[in-house]
Structures are given as structure tokens and as C-alpha cells.
Amino acid sequence: MARWTECYDVDRDAVVLRVHVQPRAGRTAVVGRHGDAVKLRVAAPPVDDRANVAAAALLAELFGTAVSDVELVSGGRSRVKRFRLRGVDPESVEVRLDAAVDETGGPRASRRS
């Protein structure tokens, strides 16, 4: 099982997730890790905040929360971002991230030799 604890912090009633966003990808998906961040690919270009909106929508869908509960905290013009996810159970973060990476066939820490 991949260890995702380095990719997020728990802050009161929210999880703050570090992400690395690759805009203009062929499809929108969670693909694994990039250092201490979750790597997301989004089809949207990094123009007029479209990649940020697509990343927020992907995270809301992944964690089963409303898009209004996903707030971009930092990195608005960077590939490295932090999103605050309100109402997300910290215990479910690792399970949901593992499932999303398995679904896309992305790399996992346990598959490395």
C-alpha cells in the first residue's frame, strides 16, 4: 500500500493536500506521487484558472465532497498547489488515493522493487 501521509496535513476540520498538477493532459486523473505531493493530470489548460478548477473538481469527486468544500490555499500559478478539503475524513484519504491510482493503473510504492 502506498504511504500518502507525506502528502497531506490534518488541520482542524479539514485535510490540506499537496498536489502537483500537470495541465493539458490527455485525460483528467490521479496518477500517483510526485515527491511529497499527489500527482494529478488535468485536461484543462493553465489559462484563466481552468486547470485549478479542474483539479478542484477532481479532488471533490475523489473525496466525495462538494466542489465548494475544496479550496485552493496556495500555488494558484504554480504546478505545486495546496488544497484544503473540508469535511474529508483523514482516515479515508489513503484508501481513496490508493483506489484512484489503482483505477488509472498508475505507479504505486508497493510495486517498486
C-alpha atoms as a PDB file:
ATOM      1  CA  MET A   1       0.000   0.000   0.000  1.00  0.00           C
ATOM      2  CA  ALA A   2       1.309   3.432  -0.902  1.00  0.00           C
ATOM      3  CA  ARG A   3       2.005   5.742   2.010  1.00  0.00           C
ATOM      4  CA  TRP A   4       0.379   9.075   1.394  1.00  0.00           C
ATOM      5  CA  THR A   5       0.919  10.627   4.838  1.00  0.00           C
ATOM      6  CA  GLU A   6       3.703  12.859   3.493  1.00  0.00           C
ATOM      7  CA  CYS A   7       1.240  14.368   1.005  1.00  0.00           C
ATOM      8  CA  TYR A   8      -1.269  15.867   3.432  1.00  0.00           C
ATOM      9  CA  ASP A   9      -1.733  17.518   6.798  1.00  0.00           C
ATOM     10  CA  VAL A  10      -4.782  17.499   9.037  1.00  0.00           C
ATOM     11  CA  ASP A  11      -5.906  20.993  10.040  1.00  0.00           C
ATOM     12  CA  ARG A  12      -8.913  21.149  12.391  1.00  0.00           C
ATOM     13  CA  ASP A  13     -11.915  20.042  10.287  1.00  0.00           C
ATOM     14  CA  ALA A  14     -10.011  19.743   7.012  1.00  0.00           C
ATOM     15  CA  VAL A  15      -7.286  17.891   5.180  1.00  0.00           C
ATOM     16  CA  VAL A  16      -4.693  20.050   3.393  1.00  0.00           C
ATOM     17  CA  LEU A  17      -3.426  18.102   0.389  1.00  0.00           C
ATOM     18  CA  ARG A  18      -0.275  18.908  -1.559  1.00  0.00           C
ATOM     19  CA  VAL A  19      -0.691  18.265  -5.280  1.00  0.00           C
ATOM     20  CA  HIS A  20       1.439  18.520  -8.397  1.00  0.00           C
ATOM     21  CA  VAL A  21      -0.775  19.377 -11.371  1.00  0.00           C
ATOM     22  CA  GLN A  22       0.091  18.543 -14.967  1.00  0.00           C
ATOM     23  CA  PRO A  23      -2.210  20.634 -17.189  1.00  0.00           C
ATOM     24  CA  ARG A  24      -3.137  19.874 -20.807  1.00  0.00           C
ATOM     25  CA  ALA A  25      -3.013  16.128 -20.204  1.00  0.00           C
ATOM     26  CA  GLY A  26      -4.882  13.669 -22.384  1.00  0.00           C
ATOM     27  CA  ARG A  27      -7.292  12.914 -19.547  1.00  0.00           C
ATOM     28  CA  THR A  28      -8.013  14.020 -16.009  1.00  0.00           C
ATOM     29  CA  ALA A  29      -6.860  11.552 -13.346  1.00  0.00           C
ATOM     30  CA  VAL A  30      -4.891  10.896 -10.179  1.00  0.00           C
ATOM     31  CA  VAL A  31      -1.712   9.192 -11.371  1.00  0.00           C
ATOM     32  CA  GLY A  32       0.473   8.701  -8.288  1.00  0.00           C
ATOM     33  CA  ARG A  33       3.026  10.689  -6.347  1.00  0.00           C
ATOM     34  CA  HIS A  34       5.459  13.410  -7.253  1.00  0.00           C
ATOM     35  CA  GLY A  35       7.816  13.853  -4.311  1.00  0.00           C
ATOM     36  CA  ASP A  36       5.680  14.776  -1.307  1.00  0.00           C
ATOM     37  CA  ALA A  37       2.641  15.605  -3.440  1.00  0.00           C
ATOM     38  CA  VAL A  38      -0.170  13.740  -5.153  1.00  0.00           C
ATOM     39  CA  LYS A  39       0.245  13.982  -8.934  1.00  0.00           C
ATOM     40  CA  LEU A  40      -2.856  14.977 -10.861  1.00  0.00           C
ATOM     41  CA  ARG A  41      -3.236  15.232 -14.601  1.00  0.00           C
ATOM     42  CA  VAL A  42      -5.952  17.557 -15.864  1.00  0.00           C
ATOM     43  CA  ALA A  43      -7.079  18.017 -19.436  1.00  0.00           C
ATOM     44  CA  ALA A  44      -7.697  21.745 -18.896  1.00  0.00           C
ATOM     45  CA  PRO A  45      -5.028  24.261 -19.904  1.00  0.00           C
ATOM     46  CA  PRO A  46      -3.401  26.552 -17.327  1.00  0.00           C
ATOM     47  CA  VAL A  47      -5.339  29.544 -18.651  1.00  0.00           C
ATOM     48  CA  ASP A  48      -7.946  31.614 -16.814  1.00  0.00           C
ATOM     49  CA  ASP A  49      -7.736  29.367 -13.736  1.00  0.00           C
ATOM     50  CA  ARG A  50      -9.173  26.419 -15.721  1.00  0.00           C
ATOM     51  CA  ALA A  51      -6.547  23.884 -14.559  1.00  0.00           C
ATOM     52  CA  ASN A  52      -7.124  24.890 -10.920  1.00  0.00           C
ATOM     53  CA  VAL A  53     -10.889  24.490 -11.308  1.00  0.00           C
ATOM     54  CA  ALA A  54     -10.409  21.077 -12.956  1.00  0.00           C
ATOM     55  CA  ALA A  55      -8.067  19.951 -10.164  1.00  0.00           C
ATOM     56  CA  ALA A  56     -10.564  21.076  -7.513  1.00  0.00           C
ATOM     57  CA  ALA A  57     -13.387  19.230  -9.291  1.00  0.00           C
ATOM     58  CA  LEU A  58     -11.282  16.056  -9.497  1.00  0.00           C
ATOM     59  CA  LEU A  59     -10.469  16.245  -5.780  1.00  0.00           C
ATOM     60  CA  ALA A  60     -14.121  16.872  -4.870  1.00  0.00           C
ATOM     61  CA  GLU A  61     -15.178  13.821  -6.872  1.00  0.00           C
ATOM     62  CA  LEU A  62     -12.382  11.684  -5.438  1.00  0.00           C
ATOM     63  CA  PHE A  63     -13.187  12.526  -1.822  1.00  0.00           C
ATOM     64  CA  GLY A  64     -16.975  12.636  -2.205  1.00  0.00           C
ATOM     65  CA  THR A  65     -17.399  16.254  -1.243  1.00  0.00           C
ATOM     66  CA  ALA A  66     -18.845  19.357  -2.883  1.00  0.00           C
ATOM     67  CA  VAL A  67     -16.579  21.493  -5.053  1.00  0.00           C
ATOM     68  CA  SER A  68     -17.355  24.370  -2.679  1.00  0.00           C
ATOM     69  CA  ASP A  69     -15.600  22.374   0.087  1.00  0.00           C
ATOM     70  CA  VAL A  70     -12.350  22.288  -1.922  1.00  0.00           C
ATOM     71  CA  GLU A  71     -10.328  25.492  -1.530  1.00  0.00           C
ATOM     72  CA  LEU A  72      -7.080  26.350  -3.281  1.00  0.00           C
ATOM     73  CA  VAL A  73      -4.813  27.522  -0.437  1.00  0.00           C
ATOM     74  CA  SER A  74      -1.602  28.180  -2.356  1.00  0.00           C
ATOM     75  CA  GLY A  75       0.018  27.717  -5.755  1.00  0.00           C
ATOM     76  CA  GLY A  76      -2.564  29.370  -7.965  1.00  0.00           C
ATOM     77  CA  ARG A  77       0.009  29.982 -10.711  1.00  0.00           C
ATOM     78  CA  SER A  78       2.286  27.036  -9.953  1.00  0.00           C
ATOM     79  CA  ARG A  79       2.149  23.320 -10.686  1.00  0.00           C
ATOM     80  CA  VAL A  80       2.668  22.696  -6.965  1.00  0.00           C
ATOM     81  CA  LYS A  81      -0.502  23.545  -5.068  1.00  0.00           C
ATOM     82  CA  ARG A  82      -2.191  23.025  -1.736  1.00  0.00           C
ATOM     83  CA  PHE A  83      -5.912  22.367  -1.475  1.00  0.00           C
ATOM     84  CA  ARG A  84      -7.950  22.460   1.750  1.00  0.00           C
ATOM     85  CA  LEU A  85     -10.601  19.723   1.711  1.00  0.00           C
ATOM     86  CA  ARG A  86     -13.304  20.472   4.278  1.00  0.00           C
ATOM     87  CA  GLY A  87     -15.338  17.606   5.688  1.00  0.00           C
ATOM     88  CA  VAL A  88     -12.968  14.872   4.487  1.00  0.00           C
ATOM     89  CA  ASP A  89     -12.269  12.064   6.931  1.00  0.00           C
ATOM     90  CA  PRO A  90      -8.471  11.847   7.358  1.00  0.00           C
ATOM     91  CA  GLU A  91      -8.678   8.049   7.735  1.00  0.00           C
ATOM     92  CA  SER A  92     -10.207   7.735   4.256  1.00  0.00           C
ATOM     93  CA  VAL A  93      -7.528   9.772   2.439  1.00  0.00           C
ATOM     94  CA  GLU A  94      -5.072   6.920   1.931  1.00  0.00           C
ATOM     95  CA  VAL A  95      -7.755   4.432   0.900  1.00  0.00           C
ATOM     96  CA  ARG A  96      -9.266   6.793  -1.673  1.00  0.00           C
ATOM     97  CA  LEU A  97      -5.870   7.775  -3.108  1.00  0.00           C
ATOM     98  CA  ASP A  98      -4.804   4.120  -3.382  1.00  0.00           C
ATOM     99  CA  ALA A  99      -8.072   3.264  -5.144  1.00  0.00           C
ATOM    100  CA  ALA A 100      -7.736   6.198  -7.563  1.00  0.00           C
ATOM    101  CA  VAL A 101      -4.175   5.248  -8.519  1.00  0.00           C
ATOM    102  CA  ASP A 102      -5.145   1.581  -8.938  1.00  0.00           C
ATOM    103  CA  GLU A 103      -8.030   2.654 -11.166  1.00  0.00           C
ATOM    104  CA  THR A 104      -5.737   4.563 -13.521  1.00  0.00           C
ATOM    105  CA  GLY A 105      -3.072   1.878 -13.494  1.00  0.00           C
ATOM    106  CA  GLY A 106      -0.544   4.368 -12.158  1.00  0.00           C
ATOM    107  CA  PRO A 107       2.591   3.535 -10.194  1.00  0.00           C
ATOM    108  CA  ARG A 108       2.368   2.527  -6.567  1.00  0.00           C
ATOM    109  CA  ALA A 109       5.080   2.365  -3.956  1.00  0.00           C
ATOM    110  CA  SER A 110       4.381  -1.322  -3.259  1.00  0.00           C
ATOM    111  CA  ARG A 111       5.054  -2.248  -6.900  1.00  0.00           C
ATOM    112  CA  ARG A 112       8.600  -0.907  -6.825  1.00  0.00           C
ATOM    113  CA  SER A 113      11.392  -3.400  -6.254  1.00  0.00           C
END
